[in-house]
Amino acid sequence: MLSALIFLATSGQTPVAVDPAPRPPLAVAVSEPELHNRTAEEPKIERSRIGAWYGWQILLSNGAADALAAVGFALWKTDRVTSLGFILAGMGGRHFGTLGIHGAHGEWGAGGSSMAVNALATIGGFNASVVAELDRCPDDPHPGLMALGYFGIVSAASAVDAGLYAFERDHGETRVSVVPMGTGAAIVGSF
């Protein structure tokens, strides 16, 4: 090697750059197209498009509505008109409170489903509990037993609503978050 360099230096010829050894034709034919085809043919894995859970807001709203209904059941023996007003206000709070929460998160379909579940639960639960109690004791119905039947049914509806429907889904658009995060909850608010 040293003698070749001395020969080139003394002969006056300029050295020629030598390309590195080319890849064998088979390696080029197999590796490059295979690399391109592999990335094009691999199935794309869809990431979950389910975001934040806002079921706690549903549970708070339903809890406030149920508090109104509980006051109504407590007033049943003293003033039935006022009692019925509180119970109906609680039912309305369940229907429209959950619809508003789902709507604030952009989940109008879930809001409609929630409204249907709550309507069936509140109307069915109230009617079933009142009819059962009036049938059992028509002269002196016990509002506690009516309330027990009502709240048993609407609690199941709250669990279904908060557990199945209350998830933000990615709709591919930029939206303002309505879920308070960290210490910003005091500034942002609860809804």
C-alpha atoms as a PDB file:
ATOM      1  CA  MET A   1       0.000   0.000   0.000  1.00  0.00           C
ATOM      2  CA  LEU A   2       2.803   2.360   0.901  1.00  0.00           C
ATOM      3  CA  SER A   3       4.563   1.525  -2.355  1.00  0.00           C
ATOM      4  CA  ALA A   4       1.400   2.373  -4.312  1.00  0.00           C
ATOM      5  CA  LEU A   5       1.202   5.780  -2.682  1.00  0.00           C
ATOM      6  CA  ILE A   6       4.889   6.463  -3.418  1.00  0.00           C
ATOM      7  CA  PHE A   7       4.351   5.415  -7.049  1.00  0.00           C
ATOM      8  CA  LEU A   8       1.351   7.735  -7.407  1.00  0.00           C
ATOM      9  CA  ALA A   9       3.174  10.627  -5.777  1.00  0.00           C
ATOM     10  CA  THR A  10       6.233  10.285  -8.014  1.00  0.00           C
ATOM     11  CA  SER A  11       4.462   9.416 -11.269  1.00  0.00           C
ATOM     12  CA  GLY A  12       2.471  12.660 -11.508  1.00  0.00           C
ATOM     13  CA  GLN A  13      -0.910  10.938 -11.841  1.00  0.00           C
ATOM     14  CA  THR A  14      -3.826  12.241  -9.783  1.00  0.00           C
ATOM     15  CA  PRO A  15      -5.595   9.730  -7.623  1.00  0.00           C
ATOM     16  CA  VAL A  16      -9.139   8.810  -8.649  1.00  0.00           C
ATOM     17  CA  ALA A  17     -11.828   8.498  -5.998  1.00  0.00           C
ATOM     18  CA  VAL A  18     -13.206   5.022  -5.859  1.00  0.00           C
ATOM     19  CA  ASP A  19     -16.894   4.500  -5.072  1.00  0.00           C
ATOM     20  CA  PRO A  20     -17.597   2.133  -2.245  1.00  0.00           C
ATOM     21  CA  ALA A  21     -18.558  -1.330  -3.297  1.00  0.00           C
ATOM     22  CA  PRO A  22     -22.060  -1.221  -4.744  1.00  0.00           C
ATOM     23  CA  ARG A  23     -24.742  -3.228  -3.026  1.00  0.00           C
ATOM     24  CA  PRO A  24     -25.505  -6.519  -4.618  1.00  0.00           C
ATOM     25  CA  PRO A  25     -28.432  -6.209  -7.055  1.00  0.00           C
ATOM     26  CA  LEU A  26     -30.545  -8.677  -5.096  1.00  0.00           C
ATOM     27  CA  ALA A  27     -30.196  -6.681  -1.883  1.00  0.00           C
ATOM     28  CA  VAL A  28     -31.303  -3.478  -3.627  1.00  0.00           C
ATOM     29  CA  ALA A  29     -34.243  -5.168  -5.316  1.00  0.00           C
ATOM     30  CA  VAL A  30     -35.508  -6.764  -2.126  1.00  0.00           C
ATOM     31  CA  SER A  31     -34.853  -4.244   0.614  1.00  0.00           C
ATOM     32  CA  GLU A  32     -35.972  -0.901  -0.862  1.00  0.00           C
ATOM     33  CA  PRO A  33     -39.359  -1.904  -2.351  1.00  0.00           C
ATOM     34  CA  GLU A  34     -40.071  -4.085   0.649  1.00  0.00           C
ATOM     35  CA  LEU A  35     -39.450  -1.135   2.949  1.00  0.00           C
ATOM     36  CA  HIS A  36     -41.830   1.101   0.998  1.00  0.00           C
ATOM     37  CA  ASN A  37     -44.535  -1.545   0.674  1.00  0.00           C
ATOM     38  CA  ARG A  38     -44.389  -2.482   4.332  1.00  0.00           C
ATOM     39  CA  THR A  39     -45.210   1.022   5.520  1.00  0.00           C
ATOM     40  CA  ALA A  40     -47.968   1.423   2.938  1.00  0.00           C
ATOM     41  CA  GLU A  41     -49.667  -1.891   3.659  1.00  0.00           C
ATOM     42  CA  GLU A  42     -49.538  -1.919   7.453  1.00  0.00           C
ATOM     43  CA  PRO A  43     -52.974  -1.348   8.934  1.00  0.00           C
ATOM     44  CA  LYS A  44     -53.256   1.929  10.755  1.00  0.00           C
ATOM     45  CA  ILE A  45     -54.118   1.490  14.388  1.00  0.00           C
ATOM     46  CA  GLU A  46     -56.877   3.854  15.453  1.00  0.00           C
ATOM     47  CA  ARG A  47     -56.237   5.332  18.835  1.00  0.00           C
ATOM     48  CA  SER A  48     -59.158   5.625  21.161  1.00  0.00           C
ATOM     49  CA  ARG A  49     -61.140   8.739  20.427  1.00  0.00           C
ATOM     50  CA  ILE A  50     -62.683   8.802  23.889  1.00  0.00           C
ATOM     51  CA  GLY A  51     -61.565  11.690  26.027  1.00  0.00           C
ATOM     52  CA  ALA A  52     -62.317  13.015  29.479  1.00  0.00           C
ATOM     53  CA  TRP A  53     -65.021  11.572  31.707  1.00  0.00           C
ATOM     54  CA  TYR A  54     -67.475  14.191  32.859  1.00  0.00           C
ATOM     55  CA  GLY A  55     -69.848  11.822  34.639  1.00  0.00           C
ATOM     56  CA  TRP A  56     -69.144  13.553  37.935  1.00  0.00           C
ATOM     57  CA  GLN A  57     -71.007  16.591  36.575  1.00  0.00           C
ATOM     58  CA  ILE A  58     -73.978  14.366  35.721  1.00  0.00           C
ATOM     59  CA  LEU A  59     -73.931  12.894  39.224  1.00  0.00           C
ATOM     60  CA  LEU A  60     -73.803  16.369  40.831  1.00  0.00           C
ATOM     61  CA  SER A  61     -76.669  17.618  38.689  1.00  0.00           C
ATOM     62  CA  ASN A  62     -78.780  14.547  39.408  1.00  0.00           C
ATOM     63  CA  GLY A  63     -77.937  14.808  43.106  1.00  0.00           C
ATOM     64  CA  ALA A  64     -79.255  18.376  43.223  1.00  0.00           C
ATOM     65  CA  ALA A  65     -82.382  17.355  41.321  1.00  0.00           C
ATOM     66  CA  ASP A  66     -82.909  14.404  43.646  1.00  0.00           C
ATOM     67  CA  ALA A  67     -82.577  16.722  46.660  1.00  0.00           C
ATOM     68  CA  LEU A  68     -85.551  18.698  45.318  1.00  0.00           C
ATOM     69  CA  ALA A  69     -87.505  15.488  44.849  1.00  0.00           C
ATOM     70  CA  ALA A  70     -86.578  14.365  48.386  1.00  0.00           C
ATOM     71  CA  VAL A  71     -87.976  17.625  49.790  1.00  0.00           C
ATOM     72  CA  GLY A  72     -91.119  16.953  47.789  1.00  0.00           C
ATOM     73  CA  PHE A  73     -91.509  13.464  49.235  1.00  0.00           C
ATOM     74  CA  ALA A  74     -90.874  14.850  52.738  1.00  0.00           C
ATOM     75  CA  LEU A  75     -93.713  17.371  52.277  1.00  0.00           C
ATOM     76  CA  TRP A  76     -96.137  14.745  50.951  1.00  0.00           C
ATOM     77  CA  LYS A  77     -98.175  14.415  54.147  1.00  0.00           C
ATOM     78  CA  THR A  78     -98.444  18.142  54.888  1.00  0.00           C
ATOM     79  CA  ASP A  79     -99.013  19.802  51.507  1.00  0.00           C
ATOM     80  CA  ARG A  80     -99.461  17.658  48.418  1.00  0.00           C
ATOM     81  CA  VAL A  81     -99.472  20.566  45.949  1.00  0.00           C
ATOM     82  CA  THR A  82     -96.125  21.921  47.161  1.00  0.00           C
ATOM     83  CA  SER A  83     -94.836  18.368  47.438  1.00  0.00           C
ATOM     84  CA  LEU A  84     -95.735  17.618  43.843  1.00  0.00           C
ATOM     85  CA  GLY A  85     -94.133  20.905  42.745  1.00  0.00           C
ATOM     86  CA  PHE A  86     -90.805  19.926  44.337  1.00  0.00           C
ATOM     87  CA  ILE A  87     -90.989  16.418  42.882  1.00  0.00           C
ATOM     88  CA  LEU A  88     -91.696  17.774  39.381  1.00  0.00           C
ATOM     89  CA  ALA A  89     -88.873  20.319  39.737  1.00  0.00           C
ATOM     90  CA  GLY A  90     -86.536  17.450  40.622  1.00  0.00           C
ATOM     91  CA  MET A  91     -87.713  15.481  37.592  1.00  0.00           C
ATOM     92  CA  GLY A  92     -87.192  18.487  35.325  1.00  0.00           C
ATOM     93  CA  GLY A  93     -83.731  19.046  36.770  1.00  0.00           C
ATOM     94  CA  ARG A  94     -82.828  15.473  35.895  1.00  0.00           C
ATOM     95  CA  HIS A  95     -84.089  15.819  32.322  1.00  0.00           C
ATOM     96  CA  PHE A  96     -82.727  19.216  31.371  1.00  0.00           C
ATOM     97  CA  GLY A  97     -79.680  19.342  33.657  1.00  0.00           C
ATOM     98  CA  THR A  98     -78.116  16.286  32.073  1.00  0.00           C
ATOM     99  CA  LEU A  99     -79.057  17.457  28.581  1.00  0.00           C
ATOM    100  CA  GLY A 100     -77.295  20.769  29.234  1.00  0.00           C
ATOM    101  CA  ILE A 101     -74.176  19.064  30.582  1.00  0.00           C
ATOM    102  CA  HIS A 102     -73.893  16.712  27.613  1.00  0.00           C
ATOM    103  CA  GLY A 103     -74.510  19.647  25.278  1.00  0.00           C
ATOM    104  CA  ALA A 104     -71.779  21.711  26.932  1.00  0.00           C
ATOM    105  CA  HIS A 105     -69.376  18.899  26.089  1.00  0.00           C
ATOM    106  CA  GLY A 106     -70.610  18.756  22.483  1.00  0.00           C
ATOM    107  CA  GLU A 107     -72.276  15.377  22.988  1.00  0.00           C
ATOM    108  CA  TRP A 108     -75.828  16.118  21.885  1.00  0.00           C
ATOM    109  CA  GLY A 109     -76.516  12.494  20.962  1.00  0.00           C
ATOM    110  CA  ALA A 110     -75.548  11.392  24.453  1.00  0.00           C
ATOM    111  CA  GLY A 111     -77.751  14.197  25.795  1.00  0.00           C
ATOM    112  CA  GLY A 112     -80.764  12.827  23.941  1.00  0.00           C
ATOM    113  CA  SER A 113     -80.073   9.317  25.205  1.00  0.00           C
ATOM    114  CA  SER A 114     -79.609  10.668  28.704  1.00  0.00           C
ATOM    115  CA  MET A 115     -82.883  12.549  28.530  1.00  0.00           C
ATOM    116  CA  ALA A 116     -84.706   9.397  27.394  1.00  0.00           C
ATOM    117  CA  VAL A 117     -83.181   7.267  30.171  1.00  0.00           C
ATOM    118  CA  ASN A 118     -83.998   9.902  32.795  1.00  0.00           C
ATOM    119  CA  ALA A 119     -87.546  10.377  31.487  1.00  0.00           C
ATOM    120  CA  LEU A 120     -88.239   6.661  31.654  1.00  0.00           C
ATOM    121  CA  ALA A 121     -86.696   6.395  35.102  1.00  0.00           C
ATOM    122  CA  THR A 122     -88.333   9.439  36.689  1.00  0.00           C
ATOM    123  CA  ILE A 123     -91.797   9.082  35.225  1.00  0.00           C
ATOM    124  CA  GLY A 124     -91.803   5.307  35.505  1.00  0.00           C
ATOM    125  CA  GLY A 125     -90.198   5.337  38.937  1.00  0.00           C
ATOM    126  CA  PHE A 126     -92.580   7.944  40.312  1.00  0.00           C
ATOM    127  CA  ASN A 127     -95.679   6.288  38.884  1.00  0.00           C
ATOM    128  CA  ALA A 128     -94.632   2.802  39.956  1.00  0.00           C
ATOM    129  CA  SER A 129     -93.755   3.845  43.497  1.00  0.00           C
ATOM    130  CA  VAL A 130     -96.891   5.962  44.017  1.00  0.00           C
ATOM    131  CA  VAL A 131     -99.228   3.372  42.509  1.00  0.00           C
ATOM    132  CA  ALA A 132     -97.631   0.578  44.539  1.00  0.00           C
ATOM    133  CA  GLU A 133     -97.936   2.556  47.764  1.00  0.00           C
ATOM    134  CA  LEU A 134    -101.506   3.721  47.095  1.00  0.00           C
ATOM    135  CA  ASP A 135    -102.470   0.154  46.256  1.00  0.00           C
ATOM    136  CA  ARG A 136    -100.906  -1.105  49.467  1.00  0.00           C
ATOM    137  CA  CYS A 137    -102.287   1.606  51.720  1.00  0.00           C
ATOM    138  CA  PRO A 138    -104.846   3.867  49.956  1.00  0.00           C
ATOM    139  CA  ASP A 139    -105.988   5.748  53.081  1.00  0.00           C
ATOM    140  CA  ASP A 140    -102.558   6.636  54.481  1.00  0.00           C
ATOM    141  CA  PRO A 141     -99.738   6.263  51.924  1.00  0.00           C
ATOM    142  CA  HIS A 142     -96.200   6.398  53.282  1.00  0.00           C
ATOM    143  CA  PRO A 143     -94.060   8.865  51.336  1.00  0.00           C
ATOM    144  CA  GLY A 144     -90.871   7.223  52.587  1.00  0.00           C
ATOM    145  CA  LEU A 145     -91.695   4.010  50.761  1.00  0.00           C
ATOM    146  CA  MET A 146     -92.655   5.950  47.634  1.00  0.00           C
ATOM    147  CA  ALA A 147     -89.360   7.829  47.791  1.00  0.00           C
ATOM    148  CA  LEU A 148     -87.433   4.595  48.286  1.00  0.00           C
ATOM    149  CA  GLY A 149     -88.899   3.102  45.107  1.00  0.00           C
ATOM    150  CA  TYR A 150     -88.383   6.320  43.159  1.00  0.00           C
ATOM    151  CA  PHE A 151     -84.768   6.863  44.222  1.00  0.00           C
ATOM    152  CA  GLY A 152     -83.891   3.224  43.617  1.00  0.00           C
ATOM    153  CA  ILE A 153     -84.941   3.511  39.979  1.00  0.00           C
ATOM    154  CA  VAL A 154     -83.454   6.958  39.293  1.00  0.00           C
ATOM    155  CA  SER A 155     -80.148   5.978  40.912  1.00  0.00           C
ATOM    156  CA  ALA A 156     -79.825   3.200  38.350  1.00  0.00           C
ATOM    157  CA  ALA A 157     -80.517   5.761  35.607  1.00  0.00           C
ATOM    158  CA  SER A 158     -77.777   8.023  37.004  1.00  0.00           C
ATOM    159  CA  ALA A 159     -75.311   5.137  36.957  1.00  0.00           C
ATOM    160  CA  VAL A 160     -76.160   4.337  33.327  1.00  0.00           C
ATOM    161  CA  ASP A 161     -75.958   7.979  32.291  1.00  0.00           C
ATOM    162  CA  ALA A 162     -72.676   8.778  34.044  1.00  0.00           C
ATOM    163  CA  GLY A 163     -71.095   5.419  33.270  1.00  0.00           C
ATOM    164  CA  LEU A 164     -72.007   4.978  29.607  1.00  0.00           C
ATOM    165  CA  TYR A 165     -72.751   8.359  28.073  1.00  0.00           C
ATOM    166  CA  ALA A 166     -70.526  10.870  29.895  1.00  0.00           C
ATOM    167  CA  PHE A 167     -67.306  10.660  27.874  1.00  0.00           C
ATOM    168  CA  GLU A 168     -66.011  13.354  25.567  1.00  0.00           C
ATOM    169  CA  ARG A 169     -65.301  12.013  22.115  1.00  0.00           C
ATOM    170  CA  ASP A 170     -62.825  13.536  19.684  1.00  0.00           C
ATOM    171  CA  HIS A 171     -64.816  15.133  16.878  1.00  0.00           C
ATOM    172  CA  GLY A 172     -61.712  16.386  15.090  1.00  0.00           C
ATOM    173  CA  GLU A 173     -62.318  20.019  15.946  1.00  0.00           C
ATOM    174  CA  THR A 174     -60.743  22.433  18.354  1.00  0.00           C
ATOM    175  CA  ARG A 175     -63.028  23.240  21.248  1.00  0.00           C
ATOM    176  CA  VAL A 176     -62.717  24.993  24.555  1.00  0.00           C
ATOM    177  CA  SER A 177     -62.412  22.492  27.383  1.00  0.00           C
ATOM    178  CA  VAL A 178     -65.303  22.559  29.807  1.00  0.00           C
ATOM    179  CA  VAL A 179     -63.623  20.216  32.254  1.00  0.00           C
ATOM    180  CA  PRO A 180     -61.846  22.106  35.042  1.00  0.00           C
ATOM    181  CA  MET A 181     -58.247  21.009  35.471  1.00  0.00           C
ATOM    182  CA  GLY A 182     -56.160  21.370  38.613  1.00  0.00           C
ATOM    183  CA  THR A 183     -56.315  24.607  40.568  1.00  0.00           C
ATOM    184  CA  GLY A 184     -58.014  26.339  37.650  1.00  0.00           C
ATOM    185  CA  ALA A 185     -61.301  24.847  38.832  1.00  0.00           C
ATOM    186  CA  ALA A 186     -61.901  27.859  41.070  1.00  0.00           C
ATOM    187  CA  ILE A 187     -61.414  30.246  38.167  1.00  0.00           C
ATOM    188  CA  VAL A 188     -62.953  28.224  35.349  1.00  0.00           C
ATOM    189  CA  GLY A 189     -66.027  27.075  37.230  1.00  0.00           C
ATOM    190  CA  SER A 190     -67.553  23.672  37.621  1.00  0.00           C
ATOM    191  CA  PHE A 191     -69.281  23.353  34.252  1.00  0.00           C
END
